[in-house]
């Protein structure tokens, strides 16, 4: 286990970066040109980013980024 000491400004920056990356993954996931193997990797990355996000963001913010995986 590792610890990280950050101030409020750094937390806001981390939130911004994580949101941006998760938005990008969600946007790209709808692209039919992307191979399924790549999409699985994107899904794993999203899960990791979301776990990090839940540690610093409010529950209200987290609920906006819960992945509602489409059944295709």
PDB file of N, CA and C in Angstrom:
ATOM      1  N   UNK A   1       0.842  -1.168   0.000  1.00  0.00           N
ATOM      2  CA  UNK A   1       0.000   0.000   0.000  1.00  0.00           C
ATOM      3  C   UNK A   1       0.891   1.236   0.000  1.00  0.00           C
ATOM      4  N   UNK A   2       0.505   2.198  -0.787  1.00  0.00           N
ATOM      5  CA  UNK A   2       1.213   3.467  -0.865  1.00  0.00           C
ATOM      6  C   UNK A   2       0.296   4.594  -0.429  1.00  0.00           C
ATOM      7  N   UNK A   3       0.889   5.648   0.066  1.00  0.00           N
ATOM      8  CA  UNK A   3       0.124   6.828   0.441  1.00  0.00           C
ATOM      9  C   UNK A   3       0.502   7.996  -0.443  1.00  0.00           C
ATOM     10  N   UNK A   4      -0.389   8.947  -0.542  1.00  0.00           N
ATOM     11  CA  UNK A   4      -0.149  10.129  -1.354  1.00  0.00           C
ATOM     12  C   UNK A   4      -0.757  11.322  -0.627  1.00  0.00           C
ATOM     13  N   UNK A   5       0.055  12.328  -0.418  1.00  0.00           N
ATOM     14  CA  UNK A   5      -0.407  13.527   0.261  1.00  0.00           C
ATOM     15  C   UNK A   5      -0.566  14.635  -0.774  1.00  0.00           C
ATOM     16  N   UNK A   6      -1.801  15.093  -0.952  1.00  0.00           N
ATOM     17  CA  UNK A   6      -2.091  16.127  -1.949  1.00  0.00           C
ATOM     18  C   UNK A   6      -2.952  17.209  -1.318  1.00  0.00           C
ATOM     19  N   UNK A   7      -2.859  18.417  -1.875  1.00  0.00           N
ATOM     20  CA  UNK A   7      -3.693  19.505  -1.374  1.00  0.00           C
ATOM     21  C   UNK A   7      -4.956  19.616  -2.238  1.00  0.00           C
ATOM     22  N   UNK A   8      -5.844  20.533  -1.890  1.00  0.00           N
ATOM     23  CA  UNK A   8      -7.132  20.657  -2.586  1.00  0.00           C
ATOM     24  C   UNK A   8      -6.960  20.982  -4.069  1.00  0.00           C
ATOM     25  N   UNK A   9      -6.006  21.828  -4.398  1.00  0.00           N
ATOM     26  CA  UNK A   9      -5.789  22.183  -5.798  1.00  0.00           C
ATOM     27  C   UNK A   9      -5.342  20.955  -6.595  1.00  0.00           C
ATOM     28  N   UNK A  10      -4.491  20.149  -6.010  1.00  0.00           N
ATOM     29  CA  UNK A  10      -4.022  18.934  -6.681  1.00  0.00           C
ATOM     30  C   UNK A  10      -5.144  17.910  -6.831  1.00  0.00           C
ATOM     31  N   UNK A  11      -6.025  17.841  -5.858  1.00  0.00           N
ATOM     32  CA  UNK A  11      -7.172  16.939  -5.957  1.00  0.00           C
ATOM     33  C   UNK A  11      -8.067  17.362  -7.117  1.00  0.00           C
ATOM     34  N   UNK A  12      -8.317  18.667  -7.239  1.00  0.00           N
ATOM     35  CA  UNK A  12      -9.138  19.159  -8.347  1.00  0.00           C
ATOM     36  C   UNK A  12      -8.491  18.831  -9.686  1.00  0.00           C
ATOM     37  N   UNK A  13      -7.178  18.961  -9.769  1.00  0.00           N
ATOM     38  CA  UNK A  13      -6.467  18.643 -11.004  1.00  0.00           C
ATOM     39  C   UNK A  13      -6.556  17.145 -11.317  1.00  0.00           C
ATOM     40  N   UNK A  14      -6.404  16.311 -10.295  1.00  0.00           N
ATOM     41  CA  UNK A  14      -6.547  14.868 -10.498  1.00  0.00           C
ATOM     42  C   UNK A  14      -7.960  14.517 -10.964  1.00  0.00           C
ATOM     43  N   UNK A  15      -8.958  15.118 -10.342  1.00  0.00           N
ATOM     44  CA  UNK A  15     -10.345  14.893 -10.756  1.00  0.00           C
ATOM     45  C   UNK A  15     -10.532  15.259 -12.227  1.00  0.00           C
ATOM     46  N   UNK A  16     -10.024  16.416 -12.597  1.00  0.00           N
ATOM     47  CA  UNK A  16     -10.151  16.882 -13.973  1.00  0.00           C
ATOM     48  C   UNK A  16      -9.501  15.906 -14.946  1.00  0.00           C
ATOM     49  N   UNK A  17      -8.294  15.468 -14.641  1.00  0.00           N
ATOM     50  CA  UNK A  17      -7.584  14.545 -15.524  1.00  0.00           C
ATOM     51  C   UNK A  17      -8.293  13.200 -15.644  1.00  0.00           C
ATOM     52  N   UNK A  18      -8.761  12.687 -14.518  1.00  0.00           N
ATOM     53  CA  UNK A  18      -9.463  11.405 -14.543  1.00  0.00           C
ATOM     54  C   UNK A  18     -10.779  11.499 -15.310  1.00  0.00           C
ATOM     55  N   UNK A  19     -11.532  12.574 -15.090  1.00  0.00           N
ATOM     56  CA  UNK A  19     -12.793  12.765 -15.812  1.00  0.00           C
ATOM     57  C   UNK A  19     -12.549  12.831 -17.314  1.00  0.00           C
ATOM     58  N   UNK A  20     -11.538  13.579 -17.680  1.00  0.00           N
ATOM     59  CA  UNK A  20     -11.229  13.747 -19.096  1.00  0.00           C
ATOM     60  C   UNK A  20     -10.845  12.425 -19.752  1.00  0.00           C
ATOM     61  N   UNK A  21     -10.046  11.654 -19.063  1.00  0.00           N
ATOM     62  CA  UNK A  21      -9.613  10.363 -19.594  1.00  0.00           C
ATOM     63  C   UNK A  21     -10.793   9.386 -19.677  1.00  0.00           C
ATOM     64  N   UNK A  22     -11.642   9.375 -18.648  1.00  0.00           N
ATOM     65  CA  UNK A  22     -12.798   8.477 -18.670  1.00  0.00           C
ATOM     66  C   UNK A  22     -13.779   8.891 -19.760  1.00  0.00           C
ATOM     67  N   UNK A  23     -13.986  10.188 -19.950  1.00  0.00           N
ATOM     68  CA  UNK A  23     -14.854  10.665 -21.029  1.00  0.00           C
ATOM     69  C   UNK A  23     -14.326  10.227 -22.391  1.00  0.00           C
ATOM     70  N   UNK A  24     -13.034  10.314 -22.561  1.00  0.00           N
ATOM     71  CA  UNK A  24     -12.413   9.928 -23.827  1.00  0.00           C
ATOM     72  C   UNK A  24     -12.606   8.433 -24.094  1.00  0.00           C
ATOM     73  N   UNK A  25     -12.439   7.631 -23.074  1.00  0.00           N
ATOM     74  CA  UNK A  25     -12.629   6.188 -23.233  1.00  0.00           C
ATOM     75  C   UNK A  25     -14.082   5.880 -23.581  1.00  0.00           C
ATOM     76  N   UNK A  26     -15.013   6.511 -22.881  1.00  0.00           N
ATOM     77  CA  UNK A  26     -16.431   6.272 -23.171  1.00  0.00           C
ATOM     78  C   UNK A  26     -16.785   6.698 -24.589  1.00  0.00           C
ATOM     79  N   UNK A  27     -16.222   7.802 -25.028  1.00  0.00           N
ATOM     80  CA  UNK A  27     -16.466   8.273 -26.398  1.00  0.00           C
ATOM     81  C   UNK A  27     -15.901   7.281 -27.415  1.00  0.00           C
ATOM     82  N   UNK A  28     -14.676   6.851 -27.200  1.00  0.00           N
ATOM     83  CA  UNK A  28     -14.023   5.925 -28.128  1.00  0.00           C
ATOM     84  C   UNK A  28     -14.668   4.549 -28.119  1.00  0.00           C
ATOM     85  N   UNK A  29     -15.254   4.173 -27.007  1.00  0.00           N
ATOM     86  CA  UNK A  29     -15.849   2.839 -26.916  1.00  0.00           C
ATOM     87  C   UNK A  29     -17.018   2.664 -27.883  1.00  0.00           C
ATOM     88  N   UNK A  30     -17.665   3.740 -28.253  1.00  0.00           N
ATOM     89  CA  UNK A  30     -18.781   3.663 -29.203  1.00  0.00           C
ATOM     90  C   UNK A  30     -18.323   3.614 -30.658  1.00  0.00           C
ATOM     91  N   UNK A  31     -17.031   3.734 -30.887  1.00  0.00           N
ATOM     92  CA  UNK A  31     -16.492   3.717 -32.247  1.00  0.00           C
ATOM     93  C   UNK A  31     -16.444   2.282 -32.756  1.00  0.00           C
ATOM     94  N   UNK A  32     -17.203   1.993 -33.786  1.00  0.00           N
ATOM     95  CA  UNK A  32     -17.292   0.633 -34.320  1.00  0.00           C
ATOM     96  C   UNK A  32     -16.016   0.185 -35.028  1.00  0.00           C
ATOM     97  N   UNK A  33     -15.118   1.096 -35.333  1.00  0.00           N
ATOM     98  CA  UNK A  33     -13.870   0.749 -36.025  1.00  0.00           C
ATOM     99  C   UNK A  33     -12.825   0.162 -35.088  1.00  0.00           C
ATOM    100  N   UNK A  34     -13.037   0.288 -33.793  1.00  0.00           N
ATOM    101  CA  UNK A  34     -12.065  -0.202 -32.813  1.00  0.00           C
ATOM    102  C   UNK A  34     -12.310  -1.684 -32.550  1.00  0.00           C
ATOM    103  N   UNK A  35     -11.239  -2.460 -32.602  1.00  0.00           N
ATOM    104  CA  UNK A  35     -11.272  -3.906 -32.408  1.00  0.00           C
ATOM    105  C   UNK A  35     -11.751  -4.274 -30.998  1.00  0.00           C
ATOM    106  N   UNK A  36     -12.396  -5.426 -30.868  1.00  0.00           N
ATOM    107  CA  UNK A  36     -12.922  -5.865 -29.571  1.00  0.00           C
ATOM    108  C   UNK A  36     -11.819  -6.092 -28.547  1.00  0.00           C
ATOM    109  N   UNK A  37     -10.661  -6.564 -28.987  1.00  0.00           N
ATOM    110  CA  UNK A  37      -9.538  -6.761 -28.071  1.00  0.00           C
ATOM    111  C   UNK A  37      -9.098  -5.431 -27.467  1.00  0.00           C
ATOM    112  N   UNK A  38      -9.059  -4.408 -28.290  1.00  0.00           N
ATOM    113  CA  UNK A  38      -8.691  -3.071 -27.817  1.00  0.00           C
ATOM    114  C   UNK A  38      -9.763  -2.542 -26.872  1.00  0.00           C
ATOM    115  N   UNK A  39     -11.004  -2.809 -27.191  1.00  0.00           N
ATOM    116  CA  UNK A  39     -12.100  -2.351 -26.325  1.00  0.00           C
ATOM    117  C   UNK A  39     -12.037  -3.007 -24.950  1.00  0.00           C
ATOM    118  N   UNK A  40     -11.617  -4.273 -24.903  1.00  0.00           N
ATOM    119  CA  UNK A  40     -11.468  -4.929 -23.598  1.00  0.00           C
ATOM    120  C   UNK A  40     -10.380  -4.246 -22.769  1.00  0.00           C
ATOM    121  N   UNK A  41      -9.302  -3.869 -23.434  1.00  0.00           N
ATOM    122  CA  UNK A  41      -8.230  -3.138 -22.744  1.00  0.00           C
ATOM    123  C   UNK A  41      -8.728  -1.780 -22.259  1.00  0.00           C
ATOM    124  N   UNK A  42      -9.520  -1.122 -23.083  1.00  0.00           N
ATOM    125  CA  UNK A  42     -10.092   0.172 -22.708  1.00  0.00           C
ATOM    126  C   UNK A  42     -11.006   0.013 -21.496  1.00  0.00           C
ATOM    127  N   UNK A  43     -11.762  -1.068 -21.472  1.00  0.00           N
ATOM    128  CA  UNK A  43     -12.660  -1.325 -20.354  1.00  0.00           C
ATOM    129  C   UNK A  43     -11.877  -1.524 -19.055  1.00  0.00           C
ATOM    130  N   UNK A  44     -10.792  -2.276 -19.124  1.00  0.00           N
ATOM    131  CA  UNK A  44      -9.956  -2.483 -17.943  1.00  0.00           C
ATOM    132  C   UNK A  44      -9.347  -1.169 -17.465  1.00  0.00           C
ATOM    133  N   UNK A  45      -8.902  -0.368 -18.408  1.00  0.00           N
ATOM    134  CA  UNK A  45      -8.326   0.940 -18.052  1.00  0.00           C
ATOM    135  C   UNK A  45      -9.383   1.826 -17.393  1.00  0.00           C
ATOM    136  N   UNK A  46     -10.603   1.795 -17.945  1.00  0.00           N
ATOM    137  CA  UNK A  46     -11.687   2.590 -17.375  1.00  0.00           C
ATOM    138  C   UNK A  46     -11.954   2.174 -15.935  1.00  0.00           C
ATOM    139  N   UNK A  47     -11.984   0.880 -15.693  1.00  0.00           N
ATOM    140  CA  UNK A  47     -12.242   0.386 -14.340  1.00  0.00           C
ATOM    141  C   UNK A  47     -11.181   0.877 -13.358  1.00  0.00           C
ATOM    142  N   UNK A  48      -9.929   0.843 -13.790  1.00  0.00           N
ATOM    143  CA  UNK A  48      -8.833   1.312 -12.937  1.00  0.00           C
ATOM    144  C   UNK A  48      -8.961   2.805 -12.655  1.00  0.00           C
ATOM    145  N   UNK A  49      -9.230   3.584 -13.701  1.00  0.00           N
ATOM    146  CA  UNK A  49      -9.387   5.031 -13.533  1.00  0.00           C
ATOM    147  C   UNK A  49     -10.570   5.351 -12.633  1.00  0.00           C
ATOM    148  N   UNK A  50     -11.658   4.608 -12.791  1.00  0.00           N
ATOM    149  CA  UNK A  50     -12.843   4.850 -11.975  1.00  0.00           C
ATOM    150  C   UNK A  50     -12.564   4.565 -10.498  1.00  0.00           C
ATOM    151  N   UNK A  51     -11.804   3.507 -10.231  1.00  0.00           N
ATOM    152  CA  UNK A  51     -11.441   3.208  -8.841  1.00  0.00           C
ATOM    153  C   UNK A  51     -10.646   4.364  -8.229  1.00  0.00           C
ATOM    154  N   UNK A  52      -9.720   4.897  -8.993  1.00  0.00           N
ATOM    155  CA  UNK A  52      -8.965   6.060  -8.514  1.00  0.00           C
ATOM    156  C   UNK A  52      -9.887   7.250  -8.292  1.00  0.00           C
ATOM    157  N   UNK A  53     -10.801   7.453  -9.226  1.00  0.00           N
ATOM    158  CA  UNK A  53     -11.729   8.580  -9.147  1.00  0.00           C
ATOM    159  C   UNK A  53     -12.599   8.502  -7.905  1.00  0.00           C
ATOM    160  N   UNK A  54     -13.049   7.300  -7.560  1.00  0.00           N
ATOM    161  CA  UNK A  54     -13.922   7.152  -6.388  1.00  0.00           C
ATOM    162  C   UNK A  54     -13.212   7.512  -5.093  1.00  0.00           C
ATOM    163  N   UNK A  55     -11.892   7.466  -5.086  1.00  0.00           N
ATOM    164  CA  UNK A  55     -11.140   7.799  -3.876  1.00  0.00           C
ATOM    165  C   UNK A  55     -11.053   9.300  -3.622  1.00  0.00           C
ATOM    166  N   UNK A  56     -11.242  10.109  -4.670  1.00  0.00           N
ATOM    167  CA  UNK A  56     -11.071  11.551  -4.488  1.00  0.00           C
ATOM    168  C   UNK A  56     -12.334  12.360  -4.771  1.00  0.00           C
ATOM    169  N   UNK A  57     -13.290  11.770  -5.466  1.00  0.00           N
ATOM    170  CA  UNK A  57     -14.485  12.519  -5.871  1.00  0.00           C
ATOM    171  C   UNK A  57     -15.660  12.227  -4.940  1.00  0.00           C
ATOM    172  N   UNK A  58     -16.624  13.125  -4.990  1.00  0.00           N
ATOM    173  CA  UNK A  58     -17.836  12.941  -4.188  1.00  0.00           C
ATOM    174  C   UNK A  58     -18.696  11.833  -4.806  1.00  0.00           C
ATOM    175  N   UNK A  59     -19.541  11.215  -3.992  1.00  0.00           N
ATOM    176  CA  UNK A  59     -20.425  10.171  -4.531  1.00  0.00           C
ATOM    177  C   UNK A  59     -21.308  10.673  -5.672  1.00  0.00           C
ATOM    178  N   UNK A  60     -21.718  11.941  -5.600  1.00  0.00           N
ATOM    179  CA  UNK A  60     -22.536  12.520  -6.664  1.00  0.00           C
ATOM    180  C   UNK A  60     -21.760  12.557  -7.976  1.00  0.00           C
ATOM    181  N   UNK A  61     -20.503  12.964  -7.923  1.00  0.00           N
ATOM    182  CA  UNK A  61     -19.650  12.993  -9.116  1.00  0.00           C
ATOM    183  C   UNK A  61     -19.408  11.581  -9.631  1.00  0.00           C
ATOM    184  N   UNK A  62     -19.184  10.650  -8.734  1.00  0.00           N
ATOM    185  CA  UNK A  62     -18.916   9.260  -9.134  1.00  0.00           C
ATOM    186  C   UNK A  62     -20.107   8.653  -9.857  1.00  0.00           C
ATOM    187  N   UNK A  63     -21.303   8.988  -9.402  1.00  0.00           N
ATOM    188  CA  UNK A  63     -22.498   8.409 -10.028  1.00  0.00           C
ATOM    189  C   UNK A  63     -22.630   8.822 -11.494  1.00  0.00           C
ATOM    190  N   UNK A  64     -22.060   9.952 -11.858  1.00  0.00           N
ATOM    191  CA  UNK A  64     -22.106  10.400 -13.253  1.00  0.00           C
ATOM    192  C   UNK A  64     -21.222   9.550 -14.158  1.00  0.00           C
ATOM    193  N   UNK A  65     -20.233   8.884 -13.570  1.00  0.00           N
ATOM    194  CA  UNK A  65     -19.269   8.131 -14.365  1.00  0.00           C
ATOM    195  C   UNK A  65     -19.394   6.616 -14.204  1.00  0.00           C
ATOM    196  N   UNK A  66     -20.471   6.156 -13.548  1.00  0.00           N
ATOM    197  CA  UNK A  66     -20.703   4.726 -13.477  1.00  0.00           C
ATOM    198  C   UNK A  66     -20.990   4.261 -14.898  1.00  0.00           C
ATOM    199  N   UNK A  67     -20.229   3.273 -15.321  1.00  0.00           N
ATOM    200  CA  UNK A  67     -20.334   2.814 -16.707  1.00  0.00           C
ATOM    201  C   UNK A  67     -21.567   1.937 -16.875  1.00  0.00           C
ATOM    202  N   UNK A  68     -22.469   2.399 -17.708  1.00  0.00           N
ATOM    203  CA  UNK A  68     -23.653   1.636 -18.046  1.00  0.00           C
ATOM    204  C   UNK A  68     -23.346   0.900 -19.346  1.00  0.00           C
ATOM    205  N   UNK A  69     -22.750  -0.267 -19.213  1.00  0.00           N
ATOM    206  CA  UNK A  69     -22.300  -1.038 -20.371  1.00  0.00           C
ATOM    207  C   UNK A  69     -23.500  -1.463 -21.210  1.00  0.00           C
ATOM    208  N   UNK A  70     -23.458  -1.097 -22.467  1.00  0.00           N
ATOM    209  CA  UNK A  70     -24.532  -1.451 -23.388  1.00  0.00           C
ATOM    210  C   UNK A  70     -24.428  -2.929 -23.733  1.00  0.00           C
ATOM    211  N   UNK A  71     -25.526  -3.589 -23.777  1.00  0.00           N
ATOM    212  CA  UNK A  71     -25.516  -5.008 -24.146  1.00  0.00           C
ATOM    213  C   UNK A  71     -25.658  -5.117 -25.661  1.00  0.00           C
ATOM    214  N   UNK A  72     -24.551  -5.498 -26.295  1.00  0.00           N
ATOM    215  CA  UNK A  72     -24.530  -5.622 -27.760  1.00  0.00           C
ATOM    216  C   UNK A  72     -24.146  -7.008 -28.148  1.00  0.00           C
TER     217      UNK A  72
END
